[in-house]
Amino acid sequence: MDFYEVAKIMTNVLGIPITYANPSVKEFKEYMKAKGEKEEFINVVIGVHFPTKLGLAKGIKHDFERLTNHQPTKIQKYIEDYKEYWI
Protein backbone atom coordinates (compact mmCIF):
# COMPACT_ATOMS: atom_id res chain seq x y z
CA MET A 1 0.00 0.00 0.00
CA ASP A 2 1.33 3.42 -0.88
CA PHE A 3 0.54 6.90 0.45
CA TYR A 4 -1.92 7.52 -2.41
CA GLU A 5 -3.96 4.47 -1.36
CA VAL A 6 -3.94 5.60 2.27
CA ALA A 7 -5.20 9.04 1.19
CA LYS A 8 -8.06 7.36 -0.71
CA ILE A 9 -9.03 5.32 2.37
CA MET A 10 -8.84 8.43 4.55
CA THR A 11 -11.10 10.28 2.08
CA ASN A 12 -13.68 7.49 2.27
CA VAL A 13 -13.61 7.17 6.07
CA LEU A 14 -13.42 10.86 6.93
CA GLY A 15 -15.76 12.09 4.21
CA ILE A 16 -13.41 14.89 3.19
CA PRO A 17 -10.95 14.93 0.29
CA ILE A 18 -7.45 13.87 1.34
CA THR A 19 -4.66 13.98 -1.22
CA TYR A 20 -1.04 12.95 -1.00
CA ALA A 21 1.14 15.66 -2.53
CA ASN A 22 4.35 13.57 -2.71
CA PRO A 23 6.63 16.40 -1.59
CA SER A 24 10.38 16.24 -1.99
CA VAL A 25 12.40 15.93 1.21
CA LYS A 26 13.34 19.60 0.88
CA GLU A 27 9.70 20.69 0.42
CA PHE A 28 8.58 18.56 3.35
CA LYS A 29 11.32 19.91 5.60
CA GLU A 30 10.51 23.52 4.70
CA TYR A 31 6.79 22.94 5.31
CA MET A 32 7.36 21.32 8.70
CA LYS A 33 9.79 24.06 9.77
CA ALA A 34 7.21 26.70 8.79
CA LYS A 35 4.73 24.87 11.04
CA GLY A 36 7.20 25.23 13.90
CA GLU A 37 8.27 21.58 14.20
CA LYS A 38 11.68 20.82 15.66
CA GLU A 39 14.49 19.76 13.35
CA GLU A 40 15.00 16.50 15.27
CA PHE A 41 11.34 15.50 14.83
CA ILE A 42 11.39 16.39 11.15
CA ASN A 43 14.48 14.24 10.60
CA VAL A 44 12.87 11.26 12.35
CA VAL A 45 9.75 11.55 10.19
CA ILE A 46 11.90 11.74 7.06
CA GLY A 47 13.93 8.74 8.21
CA VAL A 48 10.79 6.67 8.74
CA HIS A 49 9.07 7.61 5.49
CA PHE A 50 11.94 8.03 3.04
CA PRO A 51 12.54 4.28 2.50
CA THR A 52 8.84 3.91 1.67
CA LYS A 53 9.05 6.74 -0.88
CA LEU A 54 11.97 4.91 -2.48
CA GLY A 55 9.94 1.70 -2.69
CA LEU A 56 12.14 -0.13 -0.17
CA ALA A 57 9.31 -1.00 2.23
CA LYS A 58 7.50 -3.35 -0.10
CA GLY A 59 6.28 -6.70 0.95
CA ILE A 60 4.38 -7.92 3.93
CA LYS A 61 6.32 -8.94 7.00
CA HIS A 62 4.88 -11.08 9.76
CA ASP A 63 7.14 -9.87 12.57
CA PHE A 64 4.33 -8.09 14.43
CA GLU A 65 2.16 -11.19 14.45
CA ARG A 66 5.05 -13.40 15.55
CA LEU A 67 5.94 -11.05 18.40
CA THR A 68 2.43 -10.27 19.65
CA ASN A 69 0.36 -13.28 18.55
CA HIS A 70 -2.12 -10.75 17.11
CA GLN A 71 -2.96 -9.63 13.61
CA PRO A 72 -1.95 -6.03 12.87
CA THR A 73 -4.77 -3.51 12.62
CA LYS A 74 -5.83 -2.76 9.06
CA ILE A 75 -5.30 0.87 8.06
CA GLN A 76 -9.01 1.48 7.45
CA LYS A 77 -9.88 0.22 10.96
CA TYR A 78 -7.12 2.39 12.46
CA ILE A 79 -8.44 5.49 10.69
CA GLU A 80 -12.00 4.66 11.76
CA ASP A 81 -10.93 4.08 15.39
CA TYR A 82 -9.08 7.41 15.55
CA LYS A 83 -11.35 9.40 13.22
CA GLU A 84 -11.93 12.13 15.83
CA TYR A 85 -8.20 12.90 15.83
CA TRP A 86 -7.96 13.19 12.04
CA ILE A 87 -10.61 15.87 11.54
PDB file of N, CA and C in Angstrom:
ATOM      1  N   MET A   1       0.844  -1.171   0.000  1.00  0.00           N
ATOM      2  CA  MET A   1       0.000   0.000   0.000  1.00  0.00           C
ATOM      3  C   MET A   1       0.892   1.238   0.000  1.00  0.00           C
ATOM      4  N   ASP A   2       0.547   2.187  -0.844  1.00  0.00           N
ATOM      5  CA  ASP A   2       1.331   3.418  -0.880  1.00  0.00           C
ATOM      6  C   ASP A   2       0.540   4.570  -0.253  1.00  0.00           C
ATOM      7  N   PHE A   3       1.161   5.740  -0.188  1.00  0.00           N
ATOM      8  CA  PHE A   3       0.539   6.897   0.449  1.00  0.00           C
ATOM      9  C   PHE A   3      -0.701   7.366  -0.311  1.00  0.00           C
ATOM     10  N   TYR A   4      -0.747   7.147  -1.630  1.00  0.00           N
ATOM     11  CA  TYR A   4      -1.918   7.521  -2.411  1.00  0.00           C
ATOM     12  C   TYR A   4      -3.123   6.669  -2.005  1.00  0.00           C
ATOM     13  N   GLU A   5      -2.881   5.374  -1.794  1.00  0.00           N
ATOM     14  CA  GLU A   5      -3.962   4.473  -1.364  1.00  0.00           C
ATOM     15  C   GLU A   5      -4.460   4.830   0.034  1.00  0.00           C
ATOM     16  N   VAL A   6      -3.547   5.180   0.923  1.00  0.00           N
ATOM     17  CA  VAL A   6      -3.938   5.599   2.272  1.00  0.00           C
ATOM     18  C   VAL A   6      -4.790   6.859   2.197  1.00  0.00           C
ATOM     19  N   ALA A   7      -4.418   7.804   1.349  1.00  0.00           N
ATOM     20  CA  ALA A   7      -5.196   9.035   1.189  1.00  0.00           C
ATOM     21  C   ALA A   7      -6.605   8.717   0.699  1.00  0.00           C
ATOM     22  N   LYS A   8      -6.734   7.754  -0.199  1.00  0.00           N
ATOM     23  CA  LYS A   8      -8.055   7.365  -0.708  1.00  0.00           C
ATOM     24  C   LYS A   8      -8.904   6.757   0.414  1.00  0.00           C
ATOM     25  N   ILE A   9      -8.311   5.913   1.243  1.00  0.00           N
ATOM     26  CA  ILE A   9      -9.031   5.315   2.370  1.00  0.00           C
ATOM     27  C   ILE A   9      -9.436   6.406   3.357  1.00  0.00           C
ATOM     28  N   MET A  10      -8.526   7.334   3.629  1.00  0.00           N
ATOM     29  CA  MET A  10      -8.843   8.434   4.548  1.00  0.00           C
ATOM     30  C   MET A  10      -9.995   9.275   4.000  1.00  0.00           C
ATOM     31  N   THR A  11     -10.007   9.533   2.711  1.00  0.00           N
ATOM     32  CA  THR A  11     -11.099  10.276   2.080  1.00  0.00           C
ATOM     33  C   THR A  11     -12.423   9.570   2.318  1.00  0.00           C
ATOM     34  N   ASN A  12     -12.446   8.259   2.104  1.00  0.00           N
ATOM     35  CA  ASN A  12     -13.677   7.489   2.267  1.00  0.00           C
ATOM     36  C   ASN A  12     -14.151   7.476   3.721  1.00  0.00           C
ATOM     37  N   VAL A  13     -13.242   7.272   4.654  1.00  0.00           N
ATOM     38  CA  VAL A  13     -13.606   7.173   6.066  1.00  0.00           C
ATOM     39  C   VAL A  13     -13.989   8.536   6.640  1.00  0.00           C
ATOM     40  N   LEU A  14     -13.212   9.555   6.324  1.00  0.00           N
ATOM     41  CA  LEU A  14     -13.421  10.864   6.927  1.00  0.00           C
ATOM     42  C   LEU A  14     -14.473  11.712   6.210  1.00  0.00           C
ATOM     43  N   GLY A  15     -14.759  11.349   4.964  1.00  0.00           N
ATOM     44  CA  GLY A  15     -15.763  12.089   4.215  1.00  0.00           C
ATOM     45  C   GLY A  15     -15.296  13.451   3.738  1.00  0.00           C
ATOM     46  N   ILE A  16     -13.985  13.654   3.718  1.00  0.00           N
ATOM     47  CA  ILE A  16     -13.408  14.888   3.187  1.00  0.00           C
ATOM     48  C   ILE A  16     -12.267  14.499   2.252  1.00  0.00           C
ATOM     49  N   PRO A  17     -12.011  15.295   1.237  1.00  0.00           N
ATOM     50  CA  PRO A  17     -10.948  14.928   0.295  1.00  0.00           C
ATOM     51  C   PRO A  17      -9.560  15.019   0.931  1.00  0.00           C
ATOM     52  N   ILE A  18      -8.844  13.941   0.865  1.00  0.00           N
ATOM     53  CA  ILE A  18      -7.454  13.873   1.338  1.00  0.00           C
ATOM     54  C   ILE A  18      -6.600  13.508   0.125  1.00  0.00           C
ATOM     55  N   THR A  19      -5.563  14.284  -0.109  1.00  0.00           N
ATOM     56  CA  THR A  19      -4.658  13.978  -1.217  1.00  0.00           C
ATOM     57  C   THR A  19      -3.232  13.880  -0.677  1.00  0.00           C
ATOM     58  N   TYR A  20      -2.458  13.058  -1.328  1.00  0.00           N
ATOM     59  CA  TYR A  20      -1.041  12.949  -1.000  1.00  0.00           C
ATOM     60  C   TYR A  20      -0.276  13.739  -2.046  1.00  0.00           C
ATOM     61  N   ALA A  21       0.453  14.746  -1.617  1.00  0.00           N
ATOM     62  CA  ALA A  21       1.142  15.660  -2.534  1.00  0.00           C
ATOM     63  C   ALA A  21       2.493  15.142  -3.003  1.00  0.00           C
ATOM     64  N   ASN A  22       3.049  14.126  -2.361  1.00  0.00           N
ATOM     65  CA  ASN A  22       4.352  13.574  -2.707  1.00  0.00           C
ATOM     66  C   ASN A  22       5.446  14.642  -2.737  1.00  0.00           C
ATOM     67  N   PRO A  23       5.615  15.352  -1.622  1.00  0.00           N
ATOM     68  CA  PRO A  23       6.633  16.404  -1.591  1.00  0.00           C
ATOM     69  C   PRO A  23       8.051  15.830  -1.614  1.00  0.00           C
ATOM     70  N   SER A  24       8.973  16.625  -2.092  1.00  0.00           N
ATOM     71  CA  SER A  24      10.379  16.244  -1.991  1.00  0.00           C
ATOM     72  C   SER A  24      10.785  16.371  -0.522  1.00  0.00           C
ATOM     73  N   VAL A  25      11.907  15.812  -0.159  1.00  0.00           N
ATOM     74  CA  VAL A  25      12.397  15.927   1.214  1.00  0.00           C
ATOM     75  C   VAL A  25      12.574  17.399   1.572  1.00  0.00           C
ATOM     76  N   LYS A  26      13.127  18.169   0.642  1.00  0.00           N
ATOM     77  CA  LYS A  26      13.339  19.599   0.884  1.00  0.00           C
ATOM     78  C   LYS A  26      12.014  20.317   1.121  1.00  0.00           C
ATOM     79  N   GLU A  27      11.021  20.057   0.269  1.00  0.00           N
ATOM     80  CA  GLU A  27       9.703  20.688   0.424  1.00  0.00           C
ATOM     81  C   GLU A  27       9.067  20.312   1.757  1.00  0.00           C
ATOM     82  N   PHE A  28       9.158  19.026   2.099  1.00  0.00           N
ATOM     83  CA  PHE A  28       8.577  18.557   3.353  1.00  0.00           C
ATOM     84  C   PHE A  28       9.243  19.245   4.540  1.00  0.00           C
ATOM     85  N   LYS A  29      10.569  19.293   4.501  1.00  0.00           N
ATOM     86  CA  LYS A  29      11.323  19.910   5.596  1.00  0.00           C
ATOM     87  C   LYS A  29      10.950  21.383   5.755  1.00  0.00           C
ATOM     88  N   GLU A  30      10.875  22.108   4.660  1.00  0.00           N
ATOM     89  CA  GLU A  30      10.506  23.521   4.702  1.00  0.00           C
ATOM     90  C   GLU A  30       9.095  23.707   5.257  1.00  0.00           C
ATOM     91  N   TYR A  31       8.174  22.863   4.834  1.00  0.00           N
ATOM     92  CA  TYR A  31       6.786  22.937   5.310  1.00  0.00           C
ATOM     93  C   TYR A  31       6.719  22.700   6.814  1.00  0.00           C
ATOM     94  N   MET A  32       7.400  21.656   7.272  1.00  0.00           N
ATOM     95  CA  MET A  32       7.362  21.316   8.699  1.00  0.00           C
ATOM     96  C   MET A  32       8.040  22.395   9.543  1.00  0.00           C
ATOM     97  N   LYS A  33       9.121  22.971   9.042  1.00  0.00           N
ATOM     98  CA  LYS A  33       9.790  24.061   9.766  1.00  0.00           C
ATOM     99  C   LYS A  33       8.854  25.262   9.878  1.00  0.00           C
ATOM    100  N   ALA A  34       8.150  25.575   8.786  1.00  0.00           N
ATOM    101  CA  ALA A  34       7.213  26.698   8.789  1.00  0.00           C
ATOM    102  C   ALA A  34       6.083  26.471   9.793  1.00  0.00           C
ATOM    103  N   LYS A  35       5.756  25.195  10.055  1.00  0.00           N
ATOM    104  CA  LYS A  35       4.728  24.872  11.044  1.00  0.00           C
ATOM    105  C   LYS A  35       5.270  24.948  12.467  1.00  0.00           C
ATOM    106  N   GLY A  36       6.596  25.109  12.580  1.00  0.00           N
ATOM    107  CA  GLY A  36       7.202  25.228  13.898  1.00  0.00           C
ATOM    108  C   GLY A  36       7.699  23.933  14.499  1.00  0.00           C
ATOM    109  N   GLU A  37       7.776  22.869  13.693  1.00  0.00           N
ATOM    110  CA  GLU A  37       8.266  21.580  14.204  1.00  0.00           C
ATOM    111  C   GLU A  37       9.779  21.638  14.412  1.00  0.00           C
ATOM    112  N   LYS A  38      10.241  20.875  15.360  1.00  0.00           N
ATOM    113  CA  LYS A  38      11.676  20.820  15.664  1.00  0.00           C
ATOM    114  C   LYS A  38      12.416  19.996  14.610  1.00  0.00           C
ATOM    115  N   GLU A  39      13.629  20.422  14.353  1.00  0.00           N
ATOM    116  CA  GLU A  39      14.485  19.762  13.349  1.00  0.00           C
ATOM    117  C   GLU A  39      14.638  18.269  13.632  1.00  0.00           C
ATOM    118  N   GLU A  40      14.811  17.906  14.899  1.00  0.00           N
ATOM    119  CA  GLU A  40      15.001  16.505  15.271  1.00  0.00           C
ATOM    120  C   GLU A  40      13.781  15.666  14.896  1.00  0.00           C
ATOM    121  N   PHE A  41      12.587  16.202  15.169  1.00  0.00           N
ATOM    122  CA  PHE A  41      11.345  15.497  14.833  1.00  0.00           C
ATOM    123  C   PHE A  41      11.215  15.350  13.320  1.00  0.00           C
ATOM    124  N   ILE A  42      11.478  16.418  12.606  1.00  0.00           N
ATOM    125  CA  ILE A  42      11.391  16.391  11.145  1.00  0.00           C
ATOM    126  C   ILE A  42      12.310  15.313  10.584  1.00  0.00           C
ATOM    127  N   ASN A  43      13.524  15.231  11.091  1.00  0.00           N
ATOM    128  CA  ASN A  43      14.483  14.238  10.601  1.00  0.00           C
ATOM    129  C   ASN A  43      14.029  12.813  10.892  1.00  0.00           C
ATOM    130  N   VAL A  44      13.387  12.590  12.026  1.00  0.00           N
ATOM    131  CA  VAL A  44      12.868  11.256  12.348  1.00  0.00           C
ATOM    132  C   VAL A  44      11.760  10.881  11.369  1.00  0.00           C
ATOM    133  N   VAL A  45      10.847  11.819  11.122  1.00  0.00           N
ATOM    134  CA  VAL A  45       9.750  11.546  10.186  1.00  0.00           C
ATOM    135  C   VAL A  45      10.309  11.234   8.794  1.00  0.00           C
ATOM    136  N   ILE A  46      11.274  11.997   8.360  1.00  0.00           N
ATOM    137  CA  ILE A  46      11.901  11.740   7.058  1.00  0.00           C
ATOM    138  C   ILE A  46      12.553  10.367   7.052  1.00  0.00           C
ATOM    139  N   GLY A  47      13.260  10.032   8.127  1.00  0.00           N
ATOM    140  CA  GLY A  47      13.930   8.739   8.209  1.00  0.00           C
ATOM    141  C   GLY A  47      12.971   7.565   8.160  1.00  0.00           C
ATOM    142  N   VAL A  48      11.798   7.741   8.733  1.00  0.00           N
ATOM    143  CA  VAL A  48      10.792   6.667   8.742  1.00  0.00           C
ATOM    144  C   VAL A  48      10.143   6.531   7.372  1.00  0.00           C
ATOM    145  N   HIS A  49       9.842   7.648   6.728  1.00  0.00           N
ATOM    146  CA  HIS A  49       9.069   7.610   5.490  1.00  0.00           C
ATOM    147  C   HIS A  49       9.895   7.558   4.210  1.00  0.00           C
ATOM    148  N   PHE A  50      11.132   7.982   4.253  1.00  0.00           N
ATOM    149  CA  PHE A  50      11.940   8.031   3.039  1.00  0.00           C
ATOM    150  C   PHE A  50      12.129   6.660   2.384  1.00  0.00           C
ATOM    151  N   PRO A  51      12.414   5.599   3.149  1.00  0.00           N
ATOM    152  CA  PRO A  51      12.536   4.282   2.496  1.00  0.00           C
ATOM    153  C   PRO A  51      11.261   3.870   1.770  1.00  0.00           C
ATOM    154  N   THR A  52      10.110   4.240   2.330  1.00  0.00           N
ATOM    155  CA  THR A  52       8.844   3.912   1.673  1.00  0.00           C
ATOM    156  C   THR A  52       8.720   4.668   0.360  1.00  0.00           C
ATOM    157  N   LYS A  53       9.102   5.952   0.364  1.00  0.00           N
ATOM    158  CA  LYS A  53       9.051   6.738  -0.876  1.00  0.00           C
ATOM    159  C   LYS A  53       9.948   6.133  -1.952  1.00  0.00           C
ATOM    160  N   LEU A  54      11.042   5.522  -1.523  1.00  0.00           N
ATOM    161  CA  LEU A  54      11.974   4.909  -2.482  1.00  0.00           C
ATOM    162  C   LEU A  54      11.534   3.520  -2.923  1.00  0.00           C
ATOM    163  N   GLY A  55      10.431   3.032  -2.335  1.00  0.00           N
ATOM    164  CA  GLY A  55       9.942   1.701  -2.692  1.00  0.00           C
ATOM    165  C   GLY A  55      10.672   0.584  -1.978  1.00  0.00           C
ATOM    166  N   LEU A  56      11.365   0.890  -0.886  1.00  0.00           N
ATOM    167  CA  LEU A  56      12.141  -0.125  -0.170  1.00  0.00           C
ATOM    168  C   LEU A  56      11.348  -0.824   0.929  1.00  0.00           C
ATOM    169  N   ALA A  57      10.117  -0.409   1.152  1.00  0.00           N
ATOM    170  CA  ALA A  57       9.312  -0.997   2.233  1.00  0.00           C
ATOM    171  C   ALA A  57       8.248  -1.933   1.683  1.00  0.00           C
ATOM    172  N   LYS A  58       8.494  -2.476   0.527  1.00  0.00           N
ATOM    173  CA  LYS A  58       7.503  -3.347  -0.104  1.00  0.00           C
ATOM    174  C   LYS A  58       7.508  -4.717   0.547  1.00  0.00           C
ATOM    175  N   GLY A  59       6.395  -5.348   0.448  1.00  0.00           N
ATOM    176  CA  GLY A  59       6.277  -6.701   0.955  1.00  0.00           C
ATOM    177  C   GLY A  59       5.710  -6.729   2.361  1.00  0.00           C
ATOM    178  N   ILE A  60       4.997  -7.770   2.621  1.00  0.00           N
ATOM    179  CA  ILE A  60       4.379  -7.923   3.934  1.00  0.00           C
ATOM    180  C   ILE A  60       5.304  -8.746   4.815  1.00  0.00           C
ATOM    181  N   LYS A  61       5.513  -8.235   5.999  1.00  0.00           N
ATOM    182  CA  LYS A  61       6.321  -8.938   6.996  1.00  0.00           C
ATOM    183  C   LYS A  61       5.385  -9.412   8.099  1.00  0.00           C
ATOM    184  N   HIS A  62       5.727 -10.501   8.716  1.00  0.00           N
ATOM    185  CA  HIS A  62       4.881 -11.076   9.755  1.00  0.00           C
ATOM    186  C   HIS A  62       5.506 -10.950  11.140  1.00  0.00           C
ATOM    187  N   ASP A  63       6.457 -10.037  11.289  1.00  0.00           N
ATOM    188  CA  ASP A  63       7.139  -9.868  12.571  1.00  0.00           C
ATOM    189  C   ASP A  63       6.176  -9.467  13.682  1.00  0.00           C
ATOM    190  N   PHE A  64       5.271  -8.547  13.409  1.00  0.00           N
ATOM    191  CA  PHE A  64       4.333  -8.085  14.431  1.00  0.00           C
ATOM    192  C   PHE A  64       3.515  -9.259  14.957  1.00  0.00           C
ATOM    193  N   GLU A  65       2.981 -10.046  14.052  1.00  0.00           N
ATOM    194  CA  GLU A  65       2.161 -11.187  14.447  1.00  0.00           C
ATOM    195  C   GLU A  65       2.969 -12.213  15.242  1.00  0.00           C
ATOM    196  N   ARG A  66       4.194 -12.456  14.824  1.00  0.00           N
ATOM    197  CA  ARG A  66       5.049 -13.402  15.550  1.00  0.00           C
ATOM    198  C   ARG A  66       5.349 -12.913  16.957  1.00  0.00           C
ATOM    199  N   LEU A  67       5.586 -11.605  17.094  1.00  0.00           N
ATOM    200  CA  LEU A  67       5.942 -11.049  18.404  1.00  0.00           C
ATOM    201  C   LEU A  67       4.755 -10.902  19.350  1.00  0.00           C
ATOM    202  N   THR A  68       3.581 -10.587  18.792  1.00  0.00           N
ATOM    203  CA  THR A  68       2.429 -10.274  19.652  1.00  0.00           C
ATOM    204  C   THR A  68       1.346 -11.345  19.660  1.00  0.00           C
ATOM    205  N   ASN A  69       1.421 -12.283  18.734  1.00  0.00           N
ATOM    206  CA  ASN A  69       0.362 -13.278  18.548  1.00  0.00           C
ATOM    207  C   ASN A  69      -0.969 -12.633  18.180  1.00  0.00           C
ATOM    208  N   HIS A  70      -0.928 -11.457  17.574  1.00  0.00           N
ATOM    209  CA  HIS A  70      -2.120 -10.750  17.113  1.00  0.00           C
ATOM    210  C   HIS A  70      -1.914 -10.284  15.677  1.00  0.00           C
ATOM    211  N   GLN A  71      -3.006 -10.194  14.952  1.00  0.00           N
ATOM    212  CA  GLN A  71      -2.964  -9.629  13.610  1.00  0.00           C
ATOM    213  C   GLN A  71      -2.793  -8.110  13.722  1.00  0.00           C
ATOM    214  N   PRO A  72      -2.037  -7.496  12.852  1.00  0.00           N
ATOM    215  CA  PRO A  72      -1.949  -6.033  12.867  1.00  0.00           C
ATOM    216  C   PRO A  72      -3.295  -5.426  12.478  1.00  0.00           C
ATOM    217  N   THR A  73      -3.537  -4.220  12.948  1.00  0.00           N
ATOM    218  CA  THR A  73      -4.770  -3.512  12.623  1.00  0.00           C
ATOM    219  C   THR A  73      -4.702  -3.032  11.179  1.00  0.00           C
ATOM    220  N   LYS A  74      -5.762  -3.262  10.441  1.00  0.00           N
ATOM    221  CA  LYS A  74      -5.830  -2.760   9.063  1.00  0.00           C
ATOM    222  C   LYS A  74      -5.907  -1.238   9.101  1.00  0.00           C
ATOM    223  N   ILE A  75      -5.360  -0.579   8.078  1.00  0.00           N
ATOM    224  CA  ILE A  75      -5.299   0.873   8.057  1.00  0.00           C
ATOM    225  C   ILE A  75      -6.684   1.497   8.114  1.00  0.00           C
ATOM    226  N   GLN A  76      -7.657   0.913   7.425  1.00  0.00           N
ATOM    227  CA  GLN A  76      -9.013   1.476   7.450  1.00  0.00           C
ATOM    228  C   GLN A  76      -9.584   1.440   8.866  1.00  0.00           C
ATOM    229  N   LYS A  77      -9.394   0.343   9.582  1.00  0.00           N
ATOM    230  CA  LYS A  77      -9.881   0.225  10.959  1.00  0.00           C
ATOM    231  C   LYS A  77      -9.185   1.244  11.854  1.00  0.00           C
ATOM    232  N   TYR A  78      -7.880   1.415  11.671  1.00  0.00           N
ATOM    233  CA  TYR A  78      -7.115   2.386  12.458  1.00  0.00           C
ATOM    234  C   TYR A  78      -7.668   3.797  12.250  1.00  0.00           C
ATOM    235  N   ILE A  79      -7.908   4.156  10.999  1.00  0.00           N
ATOM    236  CA  ILE A  79      -8.438   5.490  10.693  1.00  0.00           C
ATOM    237  C   ILE A  79      -9.835   5.641  11.281  1.00  0.00           C
ATOM    238  N   GLU A  80     -10.658   4.611  11.171  1.00  0.00           N
ATOM    239  CA  GLU A  80     -12.002   4.656  11.762  1.00  0.00           C
ATOM    240  C   GLU A  80     -11.922   4.817  13.281  1.00  0.00           C
ATOM    241  N   ASP A  81     -11.053   4.052  13.924  1.00  0.00           N
ATOM    242  CA  ASP A  81     -10.926   4.083  15.389  1.00  0.00           C
ATOM    243  C   ASP A  81     -10.459   5.445  15.909  1.00  0.00           C
ATOM    244  N   TYR A  82      -9.652   6.131  15.116  1.00  0.00           N
ATOM    245  CA  TYR A  82      -9.083   7.413  15.551  1.00  0.00           C
ATOM    246  C   TYR A  82      -9.603   8.585  14.721  1.00  0.00           C
ATOM    247  N   LYS A  83     -10.751   8.397  14.110  1.00  0.00           N
ATOM    248  CA  LYS A  83     -11.352   9.399  13.219  1.00  0.00           C
ATOM    249  C   LYS A  83     -11.415  10.782  13.874  1.00  0.00           C
ATOM    250  N   GLU A  84     -11.782  10.829  15.136  1.00  0.00           N
ATOM    251  CA  GLU A  84     -11.928  12.127  15.831  1.00  0.00           C
ATOM    252  C   GLU A  84     -10.629  12.913  15.881  1.00  0.00           C
ATOM    253  N   TYR A  85      -9.494  12.211  15.779  1.00  0.00           N
ATOM    254  CA  TYR A  85      -8.198  12.901  15.828  1.00  0.00           C
ATOM    255  C   TYR A  85      -7.766  13.389  14.443  1.00  0.00           C
ATOM    256  N   TRP A  86      -8.360  12.845  13.397  1.00  0.00           N
ATOM    257  CA  TRP A  86      -7.961  13.191  12.043  1.00  0.00           C
ATOM    258  C   TRP A  86      -8.654  14.442  11.547  1.00  0.00           C
ATOM    259  N   ILE A  87      -9.866  14.707  12.056  1.00  0.00           N
ATOM    260  CA  ILE A  87     -10.613  15.874  11.544  1.00  0.00           C
ATOM    261  C   ILE A  87     -10.885  16.878  12.642  1.00  0.00           C
TER     262      ILE A  87
END
